N, C-alpha and C. Protein backbone atom coordinates (compact mmCIF):
# COMPACT_ATOMS: atom_id res chain seq x y z
N MET A 1 16.38 -48.08 -1.83
CA MET A 1 17.49 -47.52 -2.59
C MET A 1 17.42 -45.99 -2.50
N VAL A 2 18.53 -45.37 -2.18
CA VAL A 2 18.61 -43.93 -2.03
C VAL A 2 18.93 -43.29 -3.38
N LYS A 3 18.13 -42.26 -3.74
CA LYS A 3 18.39 -41.56 -5.01
C LYS A 3 19.51 -40.54 -4.80
N ARG A 4 20.40 -40.48 -5.74
CA ARG A 4 21.49 -39.52 -5.70
C ARG A 4 21.22 -38.38 -6.66
N GLU A 5 21.73 -37.21 -6.31
CA GLU A 5 21.62 -36.05 -7.18
C GLU A 5 22.57 -36.21 -8.36
N THR A 6 22.09 -35.80 -9.52
CA THR A 6 23.01 -35.74 -10.66
C THR A 6 23.86 -34.49 -10.51
N LEU A 7 24.89 -34.38 -11.29
CA LEU A 7 25.75 -33.20 -11.24
C LEU A 7 24.95 -31.94 -11.58
N LEU A 8 24.09 -32.03 -12.59
CA LEU A 8 23.27 -30.88 -12.98
C LEU A 8 22.33 -30.49 -11.85
N GLN A 9 21.68 -31.45 -11.22
CA GLN A 9 20.78 -31.15 -10.10
C GLN A 9 21.54 -30.51 -8.95
N SER A 10 22.72 -31.00 -8.68
CA SER A 10 23.55 -30.45 -7.61
C SER A 10 23.93 -29.00 -7.91
N GLN A 11 24.32 -28.72 -9.14
CA GLN A 11 24.71 -27.37 -9.53
C GLN A 11 23.52 -26.41 -9.46
N ARG A 12 22.35 -26.87 -9.90
CA ARG A 12 21.14 -26.03 -9.83
C ARG A 12 20.78 -25.72 -8.38
N ARG A 13 20.88 -26.72 -7.51
CA ARG A 13 20.58 -26.53 -6.09
C ARG A 13 21.55 -25.52 -5.47
N LYS A 14 22.83 -25.66 -5.76
CA LYS A 14 23.83 -24.74 -5.21
C LYS A 14 23.62 -23.32 -5.72
N LEU A 15 23.29 -23.17 -6.99
CA LEU A 15 23.02 -21.85 -7.56
C LEU A 15 21.80 -21.21 -6.89
N ALA A 16 20.76 -21.99 -6.69
CA ALA A 16 19.56 -21.48 -6.02
C ALA A 16 19.88 -21.05 -4.59
N GLU A 17 20.70 -21.82 -3.89
CA GLU A 17 21.10 -21.46 -2.53
C GLU A 17 21.92 -20.18 -2.51
N GLN A 18 22.81 -20.01 -3.47
CA GLN A 18 23.62 -18.80 -3.55
C GLN A 18 22.75 -17.58 -3.83
N ARG A 19 21.81 -17.71 -4.75
CA ARG A 19 20.91 -16.59 -5.06
C ARG A 19 20.07 -16.22 -3.85
N GLU A 20 19.56 -17.22 -3.16
CA GLU A 20 18.72 -16.99 -1.98
C GLU A 20 19.52 -16.30 -0.88
N ALA A 21 20.79 -16.66 -0.74
CA ALA A 21 21.64 -16.06 0.29
C ALA A 21 21.89 -14.58 0.05
N LYS A 22 21.79 -14.13 -1.19
CA LYS A 22 22.05 -12.73 -1.53
C LYS A 22 20.84 -11.83 -1.32
N ARG A 23 19.66 -12.42 -1.13
CA ARG A 23 18.43 -11.64 -0.98
C ARG A 23 18.37 -10.98 0.40
N PRO A 24 17.90 -9.74 0.45
CA PRO A 24 17.70 -9.12 1.76
C PRO A 24 16.59 -9.84 2.52
N THR A 25 16.74 -9.86 3.82
CA THR A 25 15.70 -10.43 4.68
C THR A 25 15.37 -9.41 5.76
N ASP A 26 14.45 -9.74 6.64
CA ASP A 26 14.09 -8.81 7.70
C ASP A 26 14.85 -9.09 8.99
N THR A 27 16.06 -9.61 8.85
CA THR A 27 16.90 -9.84 10.02
C THR A 27 17.66 -8.56 10.36
N ASP A 28 18.39 -8.60 11.47
CA ASP A 28 19.15 -7.42 11.88
C ASP A 28 20.19 -7.02 10.85
N ALA A 29 20.72 -8.00 10.09
CA ALA A 29 21.78 -7.72 9.12
C ALA A 29 21.24 -7.07 7.85
N ASN A 30 19.96 -7.18 7.58
CA ASN A 30 19.38 -6.64 6.37
C ASN A 30 18.13 -5.83 6.70
N VAL A 31 17.76 -4.95 5.81
CA VAL A 31 16.62 -4.08 6.03
C VAL A 31 15.41 -4.57 5.24
N ASN A 32 14.27 -4.61 5.90
CA ASN A 32 13.01 -4.91 5.23
C ASN A 32 12.51 -3.59 4.66
N ARG A 33 12.54 -3.45 3.35
CA ARG A 33 12.19 -2.19 2.69
C ARG A 33 10.72 -1.83 2.87
N ILE A 34 9.86 -2.82 2.97
CA ILE A 34 8.42 -2.59 3.11
C ILE A 34 8.09 -2.06 4.49
N ARG A 35 8.76 -2.56 5.52
CA ARG A 35 8.49 -2.12 6.89
C ARG A 35 8.74 -0.62 7.05
N GLU A 36 9.77 -0.12 6.38
CA GLU A 36 10.05 1.32 6.44
C GLU A 36 8.88 2.12 5.86
N VAL A 37 8.33 1.64 4.74
CA VAL A 37 7.18 2.31 4.11
C VAL A 37 5.98 2.22 5.03
N SER A 38 5.75 1.06 5.58
CA SER A 38 4.60 0.84 6.46
C SER A 38 4.59 1.84 7.61
N ASN A 39 5.75 2.11 8.16
CA ASN A 39 5.85 3.07 9.26
C ASN A 39 5.64 4.50 8.79
N SER A 40 5.93 4.80 7.54
CA SER A 40 5.84 6.18 7.05
C SER A 40 4.47 6.55 6.48
N ILE A 41 3.60 5.59 6.24
CA ILE A 41 2.31 5.90 5.59
C ILE A 41 1.13 5.87 6.56
N ILE A 42 1.39 5.86 7.84
CA ILE A 42 0.31 5.82 8.82
C ILE A 42 -0.60 7.02 8.58
N GLY A 43 -1.89 6.75 8.42
CA GLY A 43 -2.87 7.80 8.17
C GLY A 43 -3.13 8.09 6.70
N THR A 44 -2.34 7.51 5.80
CA THR A 44 -2.53 7.72 4.37
C THR A 44 -3.64 6.80 3.89
N ARG A 45 -4.66 7.37 3.24
CA ARG A 45 -5.81 6.56 2.82
C ARG A 45 -5.84 6.29 1.31
N ASP A 46 -5.24 7.16 0.52
CA ASP A 46 -5.28 7.01 -0.94
C ASP A 46 -4.36 5.87 -1.37
N PRO A 47 -4.91 4.81 -1.99
CA PRO A 47 -4.06 3.68 -2.39
C PRO A 47 -2.97 4.07 -3.39
N ASP A 48 -3.23 5.10 -4.21
CA ASP A 48 -2.20 5.52 -5.16
C ASP A 48 -1.03 6.19 -4.45
N ASP A 49 -1.29 6.95 -3.40
CA ASP A 49 -0.21 7.56 -2.61
C ASP A 49 0.62 6.47 -1.93
N VAL A 50 -0.06 5.44 -1.43
CA VAL A 50 0.65 4.32 -0.81
C VAL A 50 1.50 3.60 -1.85
N MET A 51 0.94 3.38 -3.03
CA MET A 51 1.66 2.70 -4.11
C MET A 51 2.91 3.48 -4.49
N ILE A 52 2.80 4.79 -4.57
CA ILE A 52 3.97 5.63 -4.91
C ILE A 52 5.05 5.46 -3.85
N ALA A 53 4.67 5.47 -2.59
CA ALA A 53 5.65 5.28 -1.52
C ALA A 53 6.33 3.92 -1.62
N LEU A 54 5.55 2.88 -1.96
CA LEU A 54 6.14 1.54 -2.13
C LEU A 54 7.11 1.52 -3.30
N MET A 55 6.71 2.09 -4.42
CA MET A 55 7.58 2.08 -5.61
C MET A 55 8.87 2.85 -5.35
N GLU A 56 8.80 3.92 -4.56
CA GLU A 56 10.01 4.69 -4.25
C GLU A 56 10.98 3.88 -3.38
N ALA A 57 10.45 2.96 -2.58
CA ALA A 57 11.30 2.16 -1.70
C ALA A 57 11.91 0.94 -2.39
N LEU A 58 11.29 0.49 -3.49
CA LEU A 58 11.74 -0.71 -4.18
C LEU A 58 12.51 -0.35 -5.45
N ASN A 59 13.12 -1.34 -6.07
CA ASN A 59 13.88 -1.13 -7.29
C ASN A 59 13.05 -1.50 -8.51
N GLU A 60 12.97 -0.58 -9.46
CA GLU A 60 12.21 -0.84 -10.69
C GLU A 60 13.03 -1.68 -11.65
N SER A 61 12.36 -2.66 -12.27
CA SER A 61 13.01 -3.45 -13.31
C SER A 61 12.11 -3.47 -14.53
N ASP A 62 12.69 -3.82 -15.65
CA ASP A 62 11.95 -3.87 -16.91
C ASP A 62 10.84 -4.90 -16.82
N VAL A 63 9.68 -4.56 -17.37
CA VAL A 63 8.52 -5.45 -17.29
C VAL A 63 8.80 -6.81 -17.92
N ARG A 64 9.62 -6.87 -18.93
CA ARG A 64 9.92 -8.14 -19.59
C ARG A 64 10.92 -9.00 -18.82
N SER A 65 11.43 -8.48 -17.72
CA SER A 65 12.37 -9.25 -16.90
C SER A 65 11.65 -10.09 -15.84
N VAL A 66 10.34 -10.12 -15.88
CA VAL A 66 9.54 -10.88 -14.91
C VAL A 66 9.97 -12.34 -14.90
N GLN A 67 9.99 -12.94 -13.71
CA GLN A 67 10.40 -14.34 -13.57
C GLN A 67 9.36 -15.11 -12.79
N SER A 68 9.08 -16.30 -13.24
CA SER A 68 8.15 -17.18 -12.55
C SER A 68 8.70 -17.50 -11.16
N GLY A 69 7.81 -17.51 -10.18
CA GLY A 69 8.22 -17.81 -8.81
C GLY A 69 8.60 -16.60 -8.00
N LYS A 70 8.59 -15.42 -8.61
CA LYS A 70 8.92 -14.19 -7.88
C LYS A 70 7.66 -13.37 -7.62
N TYR A 71 7.79 -12.39 -6.74
CA TYR A 71 6.67 -11.54 -6.31
C TYR A 71 6.92 -10.12 -6.79
N TYR A 72 5.86 -9.48 -7.29
CA TYR A 72 6.00 -8.13 -7.83
C TYR A 72 4.79 -7.28 -7.49
N ILE A 73 5.03 -5.97 -7.45
CA ILE A 73 3.95 -4.99 -7.49
C ILE A 73 4.20 -4.14 -8.73
N PHE A 74 3.13 -3.56 -9.28
CA PHE A 74 3.24 -2.73 -10.47
C PHE A 74 1.92 -1.99 -10.67
N VAL A 75 1.93 -1.04 -11.59
CA VAL A 75 0.72 -0.31 -11.95
C VAL A 75 0.18 -0.94 -13.22
N TYR A 76 -1.12 -1.21 -13.24
CA TYR A 76 -1.74 -1.91 -14.36
C TYR A 76 -3.00 -1.18 -14.80
N ASN A 77 -3.16 -1.00 -16.09
CA ASN A 77 -4.35 -0.39 -16.67
C ASN A 77 -4.97 -1.38 -17.65
N ALA A 78 -6.04 -2.04 -17.22
CA ALA A 78 -6.67 -3.09 -18.03
C ALA A 78 -7.24 -2.54 -19.32
N LYS A 79 -7.25 -3.37 -20.37
CA LYS A 79 -7.80 -2.96 -21.66
C LYS A 79 -9.18 -3.55 -21.92
N THR A 80 -9.53 -4.64 -21.24
CA THR A 80 -10.81 -5.31 -21.46
C THR A 80 -11.95 -4.45 -20.94
N PRO A 81 -12.92 -4.09 -21.81
CA PRO A 81 -14.05 -3.26 -21.36
C PRO A 81 -14.89 -3.96 -20.30
N GLN A 82 -15.39 -3.18 -19.37
CA GLN A 82 -16.29 -3.64 -18.30
C GLN A 82 -15.63 -4.68 -17.37
N LEU A 83 -14.31 -4.65 -17.31
CA LEU A 83 -13.59 -5.56 -16.44
C LEU A 83 -13.25 -4.85 -15.12
N ARG A 84 -13.57 -5.50 -14.02
CA ARG A 84 -13.15 -4.98 -12.71
C ARG A 84 -11.72 -5.48 -12.49
N TYR A 85 -10.82 -4.55 -12.18
CA TYR A 85 -9.42 -4.94 -12.05
C TYR A 85 -8.75 -4.17 -10.91
N ASP A 86 -7.57 -4.61 -10.54
CA ASP A 86 -6.76 -4.00 -9.50
C ASP A 86 -5.66 -3.19 -10.19
N GLN A 87 -5.69 -1.88 -10.02
CA GLN A 87 -4.70 -1.04 -10.69
C GLN A 87 -3.32 -1.15 -10.03
N ASN A 88 -3.27 -1.58 -8.77
CA ASN A 88 -2.01 -1.73 -8.05
C ASN A 88 -1.82 -3.18 -7.60
N PRO A 89 -1.66 -4.10 -8.52
CA PRO A 89 -1.60 -5.52 -8.12
C PRO A 89 -0.32 -5.90 -7.37
N PHE A 90 -0.50 -6.88 -6.51
CA PHE A 90 0.59 -7.55 -5.80
C PHE A 90 0.48 -9.01 -6.20
N VAL A 91 1.45 -9.50 -7.00
CA VAL A 91 1.30 -10.77 -7.70
C VAL A 91 2.48 -11.71 -7.46
N ALA A 92 2.15 -12.98 -7.25
CA ALA A 92 3.14 -14.06 -7.26
C ALA A 92 3.06 -14.67 -8.66
N VAL A 93 4.07 -14.45 -9.49
CA VAL A 93 4.03 -14.87 -10.89
C VAL A 93 4.20 -16.38 -11.00
N SER A 94 3.30 -16.99 -11.79
CA SER A 94 3.36 -18.45 -11.96
C SER A 94 3.72 -18.86 -13.39
N ASP A 95 3.25 -18.10 -14.38
CA ASP A 95 3.48 -18.47 -15.79
C ASP A 95 3.81 -17.23 -16.61
N ILE A 96 4.69 -17.41 -17.59
CA ILE A 96 5.08 -16.32 -18.48
C ILE A 96 4.77 -16.76 -19.91
N PHE A 97 4.17 -15.84 -20.67
CA PHE A 97 3.77 -16.12 -22.05
C PHE A 97 4.31 -15.02 -22.97
N THR A 98 4.13 -15.20 -24.27
CA THR A 98 4.56 -14.16 -25.22
C THR A 98 3.74 -12.89 -25.05
N TRP A 99 2.49 -13.01 -24.63
CA TRP A 99 1.59 -11.87 -24.49
C TRP A 99 1.63 -11.22 -23.11
N GLY A 100 2.21 -11.90 -22.12
CA GLY A 100 2.23 -11.36 -20.76
C GLY A 100 2.51 -12.45 -19.74
N PHE A 101 1.84 -12.36 -18.60
CA PHE A 101 2.07 -13.34 -17.54
C PHE A 101 0.81 -13.55 -16.71
N ARG A 102 0.85 -14.61 -15.92
CA ARG A 102 -0.27 -14.95 -15.04
C ARG A 102 0.30 -15.16 -13.65
N GLY A 103 -0.50 -14.82 -12.64
CA GLY A 103 -0.06 -15.05 -11.28
C GLY A 103 -1.17 -14.85 -10.27
N LEU A 104 -0.88 -15.21 -9.04
CA LEU A 104 -1.82 -15.04 -7.95
C LEU A 104 -1.79 -13.60 -7.48
N ASN A 105 -2.93 -12.92 -7.62
CA ASN A 105 -3.04 -11.55 -7.12
C ASN A 105 -3.45 -11.65 -5.65
N PHE A 106 -2.60 -11.17 -4.76
CA PHE A 106 -2.86 -11.27 -3.32
C PHE A 106 -4.08 -10.45 -2.91
N HIS A 107 -4.39 -9.37 -3.63
CA HIS A 107 -5.56 -8.55 -3.29
C HIS A 107 -6.87 -9.26 -3.64
N TRP A 108 -6.89 -9.97 -4.75
CA TRP A 108 -8.08 -10.71 -5.18
C TRP A 108 -8.15 -12.08 -4.52
N GLY A 109 -6.97 -12.66 -4.25
CA GLY A 109 -6.93 -14.02 -3.74
C GLY A 109 -7.18 -15.04 -4.83
N GLU A 110 -6.89 -14.67 -6.07
CA GLU A 110 -7.11 -15.58 -7.20
C GLU A 110 -6.13 -15.28 -8.32
N MET A 111 -6.05 -16.21 -9.27
CA MET A 111 -5.17 -16.06 -10.42
C MET A 111 -5.73 -14.99 -11.37
N ARG A 112 -4.83 -14.15 -11.88
CA ARG A 112 -5.21 -13.12 -12.85
C ARG A 112 -4.16 -13.10 -13.95
N GLN A 113 -4.54 -12.56 -15.11
CA GLN A 113 -3.63 -12.46 -16.25
C GLN A 113 -3.31 -10.99 -16.51
N TYR A 114 -2.06 -10.75 -16.93
CA TYR A 114 -1.58 -9.39 -17.17
C TYR A 114 -0.84 -9.35 -18.50
N THR A 115 -1.22 -8.42 -19.37
CA THR A 115 -0.56 -8.28 -20.66
C THR A 115 0.55 -7.24 -20.56
N TRP A 116 1.62 -7.44 -21.33
CA TRP A 116 2.78 -6.56 -21.27
C TRP A 116 2.42 -5.09 -21.48
N ASP A 117 1.63 -4.80 -22.50
CA ASP A 117 1.36 -3.42 -22.87
C ASP A 117 0.53 -2.66 -21.84
N GLU A 118 -0.18 -3.37 -20.97
CA GLU A 118 -1.01 -2.70 -19.98
C GLU A 118 -0.30 -2.45 -18.65
N VAL A 119 0.92 -2.94 -18.51
CA VAL A 119 1.73 -2.63 -17.33
C VAL A 119 2.33 -1.24 -17.56
N ALA A 120 1.95 -0.31 -16.71
CA ALA A 120 2.42 1.09 -16.84
C ALA A 120 3.76 1.23 -16.11
N GLY A 121 4.83 1.34 -16.85
CA GLY A 121 6.15 1.43 -16.22
C GLY A 121 6.76 0.06 -16.04
N GLY A 122 7.49 -0.10 -14.94
CA GLY A 122 8.19 -1.35 -14.70
C GLY A 122 7.57 -2.18 -13.59
N LEU A 123 8.28 -3.22 -13.23
CA LEU A 123 7.90 -4.10 -12.14
C LEU A 123 8.79 -3.82 -10.94
N TYR A 124 8.26 -4.06 -9.76
CA TYR A 124 9.00 -3.85 -8.52
C TYR A 124 8.99 -5.15 -7.74
N GLU A 125 10.15 -5.81 -7.69
CA GLU A 125 10.21 -7.11 -7.02
C GLU A 125 10.12 -6.94 -5.51
N VAL A 126 9.36 -7.84 -4.90
CA VAL A 126 9.21 -7.90 -3.45
C VAL A 126 9.82 -9.22 -3.01
N TYR A 127 10.65 -9.19 -1.97
CA TYR A 127 11.29 -10.41 -1.49
C TYR A 127 10.35 -11.16 -0.56
N GLN A 128 10.55 -12.46 -0.51
CA GLN A 128 9.68 -13.32 0.28
C GLN A 128 9.60 -12.86 1.74
N SER A 129 10.69 -12.36 2.28
CA SER A 129 10.71 -11.91 3.67
C SER A 129 9.87 -10.64 3.88
N GLU A 130 9.44 -9.99 2.80
CA GLU A 130 8.67 -8.75 2.90
C GLU A 130 7.17 -8.95 2.65
N ILE A 131 6.78 -10.17 2.29
CA ILE A 131 5.38 -10.44 1.90
C ILE A 131 4.40 -10.14 3.03
N LYS A 132 4.66 -10.61 4.22
CA LYS A 132 3.72 -10.39 5.33
C LYS A 132 3.51 -8.91 5.59
N ASP A 133 4.57 -8.13 5.54
CA ASP A 133 4.43 -6.69 5.74
C ASP A 133 3.60 -6.06 4.63
N LEU A 134 3.85 -6.47 3.39
CA LEU A 134 3.14 -5.90 2.25
C LEU A 134 1.65 -6.26 2.29
N GLN A 135 1.33 -7.45 2.76
CA GLN A 135 -0.07 -7.86 2.85
C GLN A 135 -0.86 -7.02 3.85
N MET A 136 -0.18 -6.39 4.76
CA MET A 136 -0.85 -5.56 5.77
C MET A 136 -1.11 -4.13 5.29
N ILE A 137 -0.55 -3.76 4.15
CA ILE A 137 -0.67 -2.39 3.65
C ILE A 137 -1.82 -2.30 2.65
N PRO A 138 -2.76 -1.36 2.85
CA PRO A 138 -3.92 -1.24 1.95
C PRO A 138 -3.60 -0.40 0.70
N PHE A 139 -3.10 -1.06 -0.34
CA PHE A 139 -2.79 -0.31 -1.56
C PHE A 139 -3.53 -0.83 -2.79
N ALA A 140 -4.43 -1.79 -2.60
CA ALA A 140 -5.25 -2.28 -3.73
C ALA A 140 -6.10 -1.12 -4.23
N ASN A 141 -6.23 -1.02 -5.54
CA ASN A 141 -7.06 0.03 -6.14
C ASN A 141 -7.96 -0.63 -7.18
N PHE A 142 -9.12 -1.11 -6.73
CA PHE A 142 -10.05 -1.81 -7.60
C PHE A 142 -10.82 -0.80 -8.45
N ARG A 143 -10.86 -1.07 -9.75
CA ARG A 143 -11.52 -0.17 -10.70
C ARG A 143 -12.34 -0.98 -11.69
N LEU A 144 -13.25 -0.29 -12.35
CA LEU A 144 -14.02 -0.87 -13.43
C LEU A 144 -13.56 -0.19 -14.71
N ASN A 145 -13.08 -0.97 -15.68
CA ASN A 145 -12.63 -0.41 -16.94
C ASN A 145 -13.85 -0.08 -17.80
N THR A 146 -14.06 1.20 -18.03
CA THR A 146 -15.23 1.63 -18.82
C THR A 146 -14.84 2.10 -20.19
């Protein structure tokens, strides 16, 4: 027996397809924003300088507008004493809570938690078509919170 989509499932699928169609990709018709930065930072060693260049190329959004299933970079200042953390995380958000969010940090290769108040400024969404380029850029800034 073949399962049929309900009207609600059909509408959700169509909405997701429409949203996906509006996203920039790295095709000839659209510009990969990260690739432009990658070409301009050759020789730059300071991860904070690289992070600034990335933030200038992307659009800032309010930290509370974070959505599960999306990718973001942001500046983070941990509050937990003696915690080793990434000040410039690149995260695939998986869960959102009243206190903050959790996601896979690409620099650590593991799940990490982030509280709202420790995100300095806003979030910068990265599109799926830009992930490979962003993974090649050395902007992780590992620190120990003292």
